[in-house]
Amino acid sequence: MNLYSFNGIARALYRLLMLKSKSQLEKLDQFSPDWISGSFIFISKKLFNKIGKWNENYFMYYEDMDLCKS
């Protein structure tokens, strides 16, 4: 586990533990995730080039999170 994955786990636990009923949970049909996995990113080449492509300073696995911050 790392700092990035902890944030998502903490958010999920908060939603499960702090909501009083299942109906409150069902009302949460939309939310903005902190990031999405690179395997789920579908953007046009034009937008990808505009954002600035992958950051080559990341060794592995975190460049998709950086792209989501753009």
Protein backbone atom coordinates (compact mmCIF):
# COMPACT_ATOMS: atom_id res chain seq x y z
CA MET A 1 0.00 0.00 0.00
CA ASN A 2 1.21 3.49 -0.74
CA LEU A 3 0.03 7.03 -0.11
CA TYR A 4 -2.01 7.12 -3.31
CA SER A 5 -3.94 3.91 -2.67
CA PHE A 6 -4.55 4.82 0.98
CA ASN A 7 -6.57 7.86 -0.07
CA GLY A 8 -8.99 5.73 -2.08
CA ILE A 9 -9.31 3.15 0.68
CA ALA A 10 -9.97 5.83 3.30
CA ARG A 11 -12.69 7.40 1.15
CA ALA A 12 -14.41 4.04 0.59
CA LEU A 13 -14.30 3.17 4.30
CA TYR A 14 -15.71 6.57 5.24
CA ARG A 15 -18.62 6.12 2.86
CA LEU A 16 -19.38 2.64 4.15
CA LEU A 17 -19.03 3.41 7.85
CA MET A 18 -20.43 6.94 8.11
CA LEU A 19 -23.56 6.60 6.01
CA LYS A 20 -26.51 5.65 8.16
CA SER A 21 -28.50 3.58 5.70
CA LYS A 22 -28.30 1.81 2.37
CA SER A 23 -30.59 4.44 0.83
CA GLN A 24 -27.98 7.13 1.54
CA LEU A 25 -25.36 5.01 -0.20
CA GLU A 26 -27.60 4.54 -3.24
CA LYS A 27 -27.95 8.33 -3.57
CA LEU A 28 -24.22 8.56 -4.24
CA ASP A 29 -24.56 7.67 -7.91
CA GLN A 30 -21.96 10.19 -9.09
CA PHE A 31 -18.62 11.10 -7.64
CA SER A 32 -15.27 12.40 -8.82
CA PRO A 33 -12.46 9.90 -8.28
CA ASP A 34 -9.00 11.13 -7.36
CA TRP A 35 -7.57 9.27 -10.34
CA ILE A 36 -8.32 6.39 -12.66
CA SER A 37 -6.08 3.58 -13.80
CA GLY A 38 -4.28 4.16 -17.08
CA SER A 39 -6.04 1.13 -18.53
CA PHE A 40 -9.34 3.04 -18.28
CA ILE A 41 -8.20 6.31 -19.85
CA PHE A 42 -9.81 6.96 -23.21
CA ILE A 43 -8.85 10.35 -24.63
CA SER A 44 -8.14 11.62 -28.09
CA LYS A 45 -4.58 11.93 -29.34
CA LYS A 46 -5.11 15.68 -29.73
CA LEU A 47 -6.06 16.08 -26.05
CA PHE A 48 -3.26 13.75 -24.94
CA ASN A 49 -0.72 15.89 -26.81
CA LYS A 50 -2.26 19.08 -25.39
CA ILE A 51 -1.99 17.79 -21.81
CA GLY A 52 1.66 16.96 -22.35
CA LYS A 53 1.81 13.18 -22.73
CA TRP A 54 3.27 10.90 -20.06
CA ASN A 55 5.71 12.42 -17.60
CA GLU A 56 8.96 10.54 -18.18
CA ASN A 57 10.22 11.38 -14.65
CA TYR A 58 7.99 8.65 -13.18
CA PHE A 59 9.67 5.24 -13.22
CA MET A 60 6.55 3.06 -13.27
CA TYR A 61 2.91 2.96 -12.37
CA TYR A 62 2.26 6.56 -11.24
CA GLU A 63 2.26 8.42 -14.55
CA ASP A 64 -1.49 7.82 -14.99
CA MET A 65 -2.15 9.51 -11.63
CA ASP A 66 -0.08 12.48 -12.76
CA LEU A 67 -2.04 12.63 -16.02
CA CYS A 68 -5.32 12.75 -14.06
CA LYS A 69 -4.10 15.83 -12.17
CA SER A 70 -3.74 17.70 -15.48
